[in-house]
């Protein structure tokens, strides 16, 4: 694997990890918003699932990282 391919693979993995981390932060903020003492609100399933879509996408990117990196490399080579 050449250096540009490794760089592309690292970039794709970084994007996948950042999607998961951003989802964790977003869920934490939602939980904190619902747990405020002055405005107590129950956690609802739909907003949590809506936020989890990005984490699922991040996991898929991590699983398919090599294929995505090769695809991007082929696009940039042409």
N, C-alpha and C. Protein backbone atom coordinates (compact mmCIF):
# COMPACT_ATOMS: atom_id res chain seq x y z
N UNK A 1 0.85 -1.17 0.00
CA UNK A 1 0.00 0.00 0.00
C UNK A 1 0.90 1.24 0.00
N UNK A 2 0.68 2.11 -0.95
CA UNK A 2 1.47 3.32 -1.09
C UNK A 2 1.07 4.35 -0.03
N UNK A 3 1.91 5.35 0.12
CA UNK A 3 1.66 6.40 1.11
C UNK A 3 0.35 7.15 0.85
N UNK A 4 0.03 7.54 -0.41
CA UNK A 4 -1.25 8.23 -0.61
C UNK A 4 -2.46 7.36 -0.26
N UNK A 5 -2.36 6.07 -0.54
CA UNK A 5 -3.46 5.16 -0.19
C UNK A 5 -3.62 5.05 1.32
N UNK A 6 -2.49 5.00 2.03
CA UNK A 6 -2.55 4.95 3.50
C UNK A 6 -3.14 6.24 4.06
N UNK A 7 -2.76 7.36 3.44
CA UNK A 7 -3.32 8.64 3.86
C UNK A 7 -4.82 8.70 3.64
N UNK A 8 -5.27 8.20 2.49
CA UNK A 8 -6.70 8.16 2.21
C UNK A 8 -7.44 7.26 3.18
N UNK A 9 -6.85 6.11 3.48
CA UNK A 9 -7.46 5.19 4.44
C UNK A 9 -7.55 5.83 5.82
N UNK A 10 -6.51 6.53 6.22
CA UNK A 10 -6.52 7.22 7.51
C UNK A 10 -7.59 8.29 7.54
N UNK A 11 -7.73 9.03 6.46
CA UNK A 11 -8.76 10.07 6.39
C UNK A 11 -10.16 9.48 6.49
N UNK A 12 -10.41 8.38 5.80
CA UNK A 12 -11.73 7.74 5.85
C UNK A 12 -12.01 7.22 7.25
N UNK A 13 -11.01 6.61 7.88
CA UNK A 13 -11.20 6.13 9.25
C UNK A 13 -11.45 7.28 10.22
N UNK A 14 -10.75 8.39 10.02
CA UNK A 14 -10.95 9.55 10.87
C UNK A 14 -12.37 10.09 10.74
N UNK A 15 -12.89 10.13 9.53
CA UNK A 15 -14.27 10.59 9.32
C UNK A 15 -15.25 9.66 10.03
N UNK A 16 -15.03 8.36 9.93
CA UNK A 16 -15.91 7.40 10.60
C UNK A 16 -15.90 7.56 12.11
N UNK A 17 -14.71 7.73 12.68
CA UNK A 17 -14.60 7.90 14.13
C UNK A 17 -15.24 9.22 14.56
N UNK A 18 -15.05 10.27 13.77
CA UNK A 18 -15.63 11.56 14.12
C UNK A 18 -17.17 11.53 14.07
N UNK A 19 -17.73 10.76 13.16
CA UNK A 19 -19.18 10.60 13.13
C UNK A 19 -19.68 9.94 14.42
N UNK A 20 -18.98 8.92 14.87
CA UNK A 20 -19.37 8.23 16.11
C UNK A 20 -19.20 9.16 17.31
N UNK A 21 -18.08 9.87 17.38
CA UNK A 21 -17.82 10.77 18.51
C UNK A 21 -18.84 11.91 18.54
N UNK A 22 -19.14 12.47 17.38
CA UNK A 22 -20.12 13.56 17.32
C UNK A 22 -21.50 13.07 17.77
N UNK A 23 -21.84 11.84 17.44
CA UNK A 23 -23.11 11.27 17.87
C UNK A 23 -23.15 11.11 19.38
N UNK A 24 -22.06 10.64 19.95
CA UNK A 24 -22.00 10.48 21.41
C UNK A 24 -22.15 11.83 22.10
N UNK A 25 -21.47 12.84 21.57
CA UNK A 25 -21.60 14.18 22.15
C UNK A 25 -23.02 14.72 22.00
N UNK A 26 -23.62 14.51 20.84
CA UNK A 26 -24.99 14.99 20.60
C UNK A 26 -25.98 14.29 21.53
N UNK A 27 -25.82 12.99 21.73
CA UNK A 27 -26.70 12.28 22.66
C UNK A 27 -26.50 12.76 24.10
N UNK A 28 -25.26 13.06 24.46
CA UNK A 28 -24.99 13.59 25.80
C UNK A 28 -25.64 14.94 26.01
N UNK A 29 -25.58 15.79 24.99
CA UNK A 29 -26.23 17.10 25.09
C UNK A 29 -27.75 16.97 25.17
N UNK A 30 -28.31 16.02 24.40
CA UNK A 30 -29.76 15.79 24.45
C UNK A 30 -30.18 15.29 25.83
N UNK A 31 -29.38 14.37 26.39
CA UNK A 31 -29.68 13.85 27.72
C UNK A 31 -29.60 14.97 28.76
N UNK A 32 -28.58 15.82 28.64
CA UNK A 32 -28.43 16.93 29.58
C UNK A 32 -29.59 17.91 29.46
N UNK A 33 -30.02 18.15 28.23
CA UNK A 33 -31.16 19.06 28.01
C UNK A 33 -32.43 18.50 28.64
N UNK A 34 -32.62 17.21 28.54
CA UNK A 34 -33.82 16.59 29.12
C UNK A 34 -33.72 16.46 30.63
N UNK A 35 -32.53 16.55 31.18
CA UNK A 35 -32.34 16.37 32.62
C UNK A 35 -32.24 17.67 33.39
N UNK A 36 -32.44 18.81 32.73
CA UNK A 36 -32.38 20.09 33.45
C UNK A 36 -33.42 20.11 34.56
N UNK A 37 -33.03 20.57 35.74
CA UNK A 37 -33.99 20.56 36.86
C UNK A 37 -35.21 21.46 36.63
N UNK A 38 -35.02 22.58 35.95
CA UNK A 38 -36.14 23.50 35.75
C UNK A 38 -37.10 23.04 34.66
N UNK A 39 -36.60 22.33 33.67
CA UNK A 39 -37.41 21.91 32.52
C UNK A 39 -37.30 20.40 32.31
N UNK A 40 -37.68 19.64 33.31
CA UNK A 40 -37.58 18.19 33.24
C UNK A 40 -38.44 17.65 32.11
N UNK A 41 -37.84 16.84 31.22
CA UNK A 41 -38.58 16.24 30.11
C UNK A 41 -38.07 14.81 29.94
N UNK A 42 -38.95 13.89 29.58
CA UNK A 42 -38.50 12.51 29.38
C UNK A 42 -37.70 12.37 28.08
N UNK A 43 -36.78 11.43 28.10
CA UNK A 43 -36.06 11.10 26.86
C UNK A 43 -37.04 10.41 25.93
N UNK A 44 -37.09 10.84 24.70
CA UNK A 44 -37.99 10.23 23.73
C UNK A 44 -37.19 9.35 22.77
N UNK A 45 -37.82 8.32 22.28
CA UNK A 45 -37.15 7.34 21.44
C UNK A 45 -36.81 7.89 20.06
N UNK A 46 -37.70 8.61 19.44
CA UNK A 46 -37.49 9.09 18.06
C UNK A 46 -36.29 10.03 17.96
N UNK A 47 -36.14 11.04 18.84
CA UNK A 47 -34.95 11.89 18.73
C UNK A 47 -33.65 11.13 18.98
N UNK A 48 -33.68 10.15 19.87
CA UNK A 48 -32.48 9.36 20.12
C UNK A 48 -32.13 8.52 18.89
N UNK A 49 -33.13 7.88 18.29
CA UNK A 49 -32.87 7.10 17.08
C UNK A 49 -32.41 7.98 15.93
N UNK A 50 -32.99 9.17 15.82
CA UNK A 50 -32.59 10.11 14.77
C UNK A 50 -31.11 10.49 14.91
N UNK A 51 -30.67 10.67 16.14
CA UNK A 51 -29.27 11.01 16.38
C UNK A 51 -28.35 9.80 16.17
N UNK A 52 -28.86 8.61 16.40
CA UNK A 52 -28.04 7.40 16.25
C UNK A 52 -27.77 7.04 14.79
N UNK A 53 -28.51 7.60 13.86
CA UNK A 53 -28.28 7.32 12.44
C UNK A 53 -26.85 7.66 12.06
N UNK A 54 -26.34 8.78 12.59
CA UNK A 54 -24.97 9.18 12.25
C UNK A 54 -23.94 8.21 12.83
N UNK A 55 -24.20 7.64 14.00
CA UNK A 55 -23.29 6.65 14.57
C UNK A 55 -23.27 5.39 13.73
N UNK A 56 -24.43 4.96 13.28
CA UNK A 56 -24.51 3.78 12.41
C UNK A 56 -23.75 4.04 11.11
N UNK A 57 -23.92 5.22 10.56
CA UNK A 57 -23.19 5.58 9.34
C UNK A 57 -21.68 5.57 9.61
N UNK A 58 -21.25 6.06 10.75
CA UNK A 58 -19.84 6.04 11.11
C UNK A 58 -19.29 4.63 11.24
N UNK A 59 -20.06 3.73 11.81
CA UNK A 59 -19.63 2.34 11.94
C UNK A 59 -19.53 1.69 10.56
N UNK A 60 -20.49 1.98 9.69
CA UNK A 60 -20.44 1.45 8.32
C UNK A 60 -19.20 1.97 7.60
N UNK A 61 -18.89 3.25 7.78
CA UNK A 61 -17.68 3.81 7.17
C UNK A 61 -16.44 3.12 7.71
N UNK A 62 -16.39 2.83 8.99
CA UNK A 62 -15.24 2.14 9.55
C UNK A 62 -15.12 0.72 9.02
N UNK A 63 -16.24 0.04 8.84
CA UNK A 63 -16.20 -1.32 8.32
C UNK A 63 -15.75 -1.34 6.86
N UNK A 64 -16.25 -0.40 6.07
CA UNK A 64 -15.95 -0.35 4.63
C UNK A 64 -14.82 0.64 4.32
N UNK A 65 -13.97 0.96 5.27
CA UNK A 65 -12.96 2.01 5.10
C UNK A 65 -12.03 1.74 3.92
N UNK A 66 -11.56 0.52 3.79
CA UNK A 66 -10.61 0.22 2.71
C UNK A 66 -11.27 0.37 1.34
N UNK A 67 -12.49 -0.11 1.21
CA UNK A 67 -13.19 0.00 -0.08
C UNK A 67 -13.48 1.47 -0.42
N UNK A 68 -13.87 2.24 0.58
CA UNK A 68 -14.14 3.67 0.34
C UNK A 68 -12.86 4.40 -0.03
N UNK A 69 -11.76 4.09 0.65
CA UNK A 69 -10.48 4.73 0.34
C UNK A 69 -10.02 4.39 -1.07
N UNK A 70 -10.19 3.14 -1.48
CA UNK A 70 -9.82 2.75 -2.85
C UNK A 70 -10.71 3.46 -3.87
N UNK A 71 -11.99 3.59 -3.58
CA UNK A 71 -12.92 4.27 -4.48
C UNK A 71 -12.52 5.73 -4.64
N UNK A 72 -12.21 6.40 -3.53
CA UNK A 72 -11.79 7.79 -3.60
C UNK A 72 -10.47 7.91 -4.37
N UNK A 73 -9.56 6.98 -4.14
CA UNK A 73 -8.27 6.98 -4.85
C UNK A 73 -8.47 6.83 -6.35
N UNK A 74 -9.38 5.95 -6.74
CA UNK A 74 -9.65 5.76 -8.16
C UNK A 74 -10.28 7.01 -8.79
N UNK A 75 -11.16 7.67 -8.07
CA UNK A 75 -11.78 8.89 -8.57
C UNK A 75 -10.74 9.98 -8.76
N UNK A 76 -9.82 10.11 -7.80
CA UNK A 76 -8.81 11.16 -7.87
C UNK A 76 -7.73 10.85 -8.90
N UNK A 77 -7.51 9.58 -9.22
CA UNK A 77 -6.51 9.22 -10.22
C UNK A 77 -6.98 9.53 -11.62
N UNK A 78 -8.28 9.48 -11.87
CA UNK A 78 -8.80 9.72 -13.24
C UNK A 78 -8.80 11.15 -13.63
